[in-house]
Amino acid sequence: MHEELRAWTLEIHTLRNEVKGLNERLDAIEPGVTIGVQQQVAGAGKLGKGAVVDGGIVLTLASSGVAVWYSMTGRPPP
């Protein structure tokens, strides 16, 4: 019984050390992960702005085309 208790104590001590080491490694990695997420959010914002600008250009071209068609033919486009 005493040997089993000693084995359990050693195992618990080993697990505590492993968890402590894991926590230290996670703390070291966390700033890099946070920066990566911030960069992804910034990139998504730029992509969204680009999509809005591109959409505006497409709408401008389409409406200009309709206006030119109407002025040339006097009737709406097909």
C-alpha atoms as a PDB file:
ATOM      1  CA  MET A   1       0.000   0.000   0.000  1.00  0.00           C
ATOM      2  CA  HIS A   2       2.809   2.371   0.905  1.00  0.00           C
ATOM      3  CA  GLU A   3       4.580   1.671  -2.411  1.00  0.00           C
ATOM      4  CA  GLU A   4       1.377   2.333  -4.374  1.00  0.00           C
ATOM      5  CA  LEU A   5       0.937   5.643  -2.587  1.00  0.00           C
ATOM      6  CA  ARG A   6       4.546   6.554  -3.362  1.00  0.00           C
ATOM      7  CA  ALA A   7       4.021   5.623  -7.048  1.00  0.00           C
ATOM      8  CA  TRP A   8       0.875   7.761  -7.227  1.00  0.00           C
ATOM      9  CA  THR A   9       2.680  10.659  -5.568  1.00  0.00           C
ATOM     10  CA  LEU A  10       5.521  10.410  -8.079  1.00  0.00           C
ATOM     11  CA  GLU A  11       3.075  10.253 -10.975  1.00  0.00           C
ATOM     12  CA  ILE A  12       1.162  13.299  -9.714  1.00  0.00           C
ATOM     13  CA  HIS A  13       4.437  15.190  -9.287  1.00  0.00           C
ATOM     14  CA  THR A  14       5.471  14.263 -12.837  1.00  0.00           C
ATOM     15  CA  LEU A  15       2.113  15.369 -14.240  1.00  0.00           C
ATOM     16  CA  ARG A  16       2.328  18.686 -12.385  1.00  0.00           C
ATOM     17  CA  ASN A  17       5.741  19.353 -13.896  1.00  0.00           C
ATOM     18  CA  GLU A  18       4.491  18.466 -17.375  1.00  0.00           C
ATOM     19  CA  VAL A  19       1.478  20.764 -17.019  1.00  0.00           C
ATOM     20  CA  LYS A  20       3.702  23.567 -15.722  1.00  0.00           C
ATOM     21  CA  GLY A  21       6.003  23.169 -18.729  1.00  0.00           C
ATOM     22  CA  LEU A  22       3.029  23.099 -21.077  1.00  0.00           C
ATOM     23  CA  ASN A  23       1.621  26.284 -19.548  1.00  0.00           C
ATOM     24  CA  GLU A  24       4.977  28.016 -19.969  1.00  0.00           C
ATOM     25  CA  ARG A  25       5.137  26.999 -23.639  1.00  0.00           C
ATOM     26  CA  LEU A  26       1.564  28.166 -24.242  1.00  0.00           C
ATOM     27  CA  ASP A  27       2.339  31.515 -22.617  1.00  0.00           C
ATOM     28  CA  ALA A  28       5.317  31.878 -24.955  1.00  0.00           C
ATOM     29  CA  ILE A  29       3.209  31.048 -28.046  1.00  0.00           C
ATOM     30  CA  GLU A  30       0.195  33.211 -27.163  1.00  0.00           C
ATOM     31  CA  PRO A  31       1.568  36.623 -28.281  1.00  0.00           C
ATOM     32  CA  GLY A  32       2.400  35.234 -31.728  1.00  0.00           C
ATOM     33  CA  VAL A  33      -1.073  33.755 -32.107  1.00  0.00           C
ATOM     34  CA  THR A  34      -2.682  37.032 -31.074  1.00  0.00           C
ATOM     35  CA  ILE A  35      -0.652  38.976 -33.627  1.00  0.00           C
ATOM     36  CA  GLY A  36      -1.552  36.422 -36.330  1.00  0.00           C
ATOM     37  CA  VAL A  37      -5.261  36.808 -35.610  1.00  0.00           C
ATOM     38  CA  GLN A  38      -4.977  40.600 -35.697  1.00  0.00           C
ATOM     39  CA  GLN A  39      -3.237  40.403 -39.071  1.00  0.00           C
ATOM     40  CA  GLN A  40      -5.991  38.137 -40.415  1.00  0.00           C
ATOM     41  CA  VAL A  41      -8.653  40.595 -39.276  1.00  0.00           C
ATOM     42  CA  ALA A  42      -6.788  43.478 -40.907  1.00  0.00           C
ATOM     43  CA  GLY A  43      -6.472  41.470 -44.126  1.00  0.00           C
ATOM     44  CA  ALA A  44     -10.172  40.639 -44.112  1.00  0.00           C
ATOM     45  CA  GLY A  45     -10.970  44.338 -43.666  1.00  0.00           C
ATOM     46  CA  LYS A  46      -8.829  45.249 -46.665  1.00  0.00           C
ATOM     47  CA  LEU A  47     -10.449  42.492 -48.720  1.00  0.00           C
ATOM     48  CA  GLY A  48     -13.914  43.770 -47.800  1.00  0.00           C
ATOM     49  CA  LYS A  49     -13.025  47.341 -48.712  1.00  0.00           C
ATOM     50  CA  GLY A  50     -11.616  46.130 -52.020  1.00  0.00           C
ATOM     51  CA  ALA A  51     -14.813  44.194 -52.756  1.00  0.00           C
ATOM     52  CA  VAL A  52     -16.936  47.274 -52.067  1.00  0.00           C
ATOM     53  CA  VAL A  53     -14.759  49.417 -54.338  1.00  0.00           C
ATOM     54  CA  ASP A  54     -14.836  46.797 -57.099  1.00  0.00           C
ATOM     55  CA  GLY A  55     -18.608  46.503 -56.764  1.00  0.00           C
ATOM     56  CA  GLY A  56     -18.953  50.257 -57.057  1.00  0.00           C
ATOM     57  CA  ILE A  57     -16.847  50.257 -60.216  1.00  0.00           C
ATOM     58  CA  VAL A  58     -18.976  47.493 -61.755  1.00  0.00           C
ATOM     59  CA  LEU A  59     -22.203  49.349 -60.931  1.00  0.00           C
ATOM     60  CA  THR A  60     -20.804  52.593 -62.354  1.00  0.00           C
ATOM     61  CA  LEU A  61     -19.777  50.889 -65.596  1.00  0.00           C
ATOM     62  CA  ALA A  62     -23.135  49.130 -65.902  1.00  0.00           C
ATOM     63  CA  SER A  63     -25.151  52.300 -65.323  1.00  0.00           C
ATOM     64  CA  SER A  64     -22.913  54.221 -67.749  1.00  0.00           C
ATOM     65  CA  GLY A  65     -23.454  51.524 -70.361  1.00  0.00           C
ATOM     66  CA  VAL A  66     -27.217  51.734 -69.905  1.00  0.00           C
ATOM     67  CA  ALA A  67     -27.104  55.534 -70.209  1.00  0.00           C
ATOM     68  CA  VAL A  68     -25.043  55.346 -73.408  1.00  0.00           C
ATOM     69  CA  TRP A  69     -27.343  52.696 -74.874  1.00  0.00           C
ATOM     70  CA  TYR A  70     -30.426  54.780 -74.049  1.00  0.00           C
ATOM     71  CA  SER A  71     -28.916  57.956 -75.516  1.00  0.00           C
ATOM     72  CA  MET A  72     -27.944  56.137 -78.739  1.00  0.00           C
ATOM     73  CA  THR A  73     -31.161  54.195 -79.329  1.00  0.00           C
ATOM     74  CA  GLY A  74     -33.776  56.150 -77.398  1.00  0.00           C
ATOM     75  CA  ARG A  75     -35.087  52.984 -75.751  1.00  0.00           C
ATOM     76  CA  PRO A  76     -34.033  50.915 -72.766  1.00  0.00           C
ATOM     77  CA  PRO A  77     -31.478  48.156 -73.229  1.00  0.00           C
ATOM     78  CA  PRO A  78     -32.676  44.610 -73.896  1.00  0.00           C
END
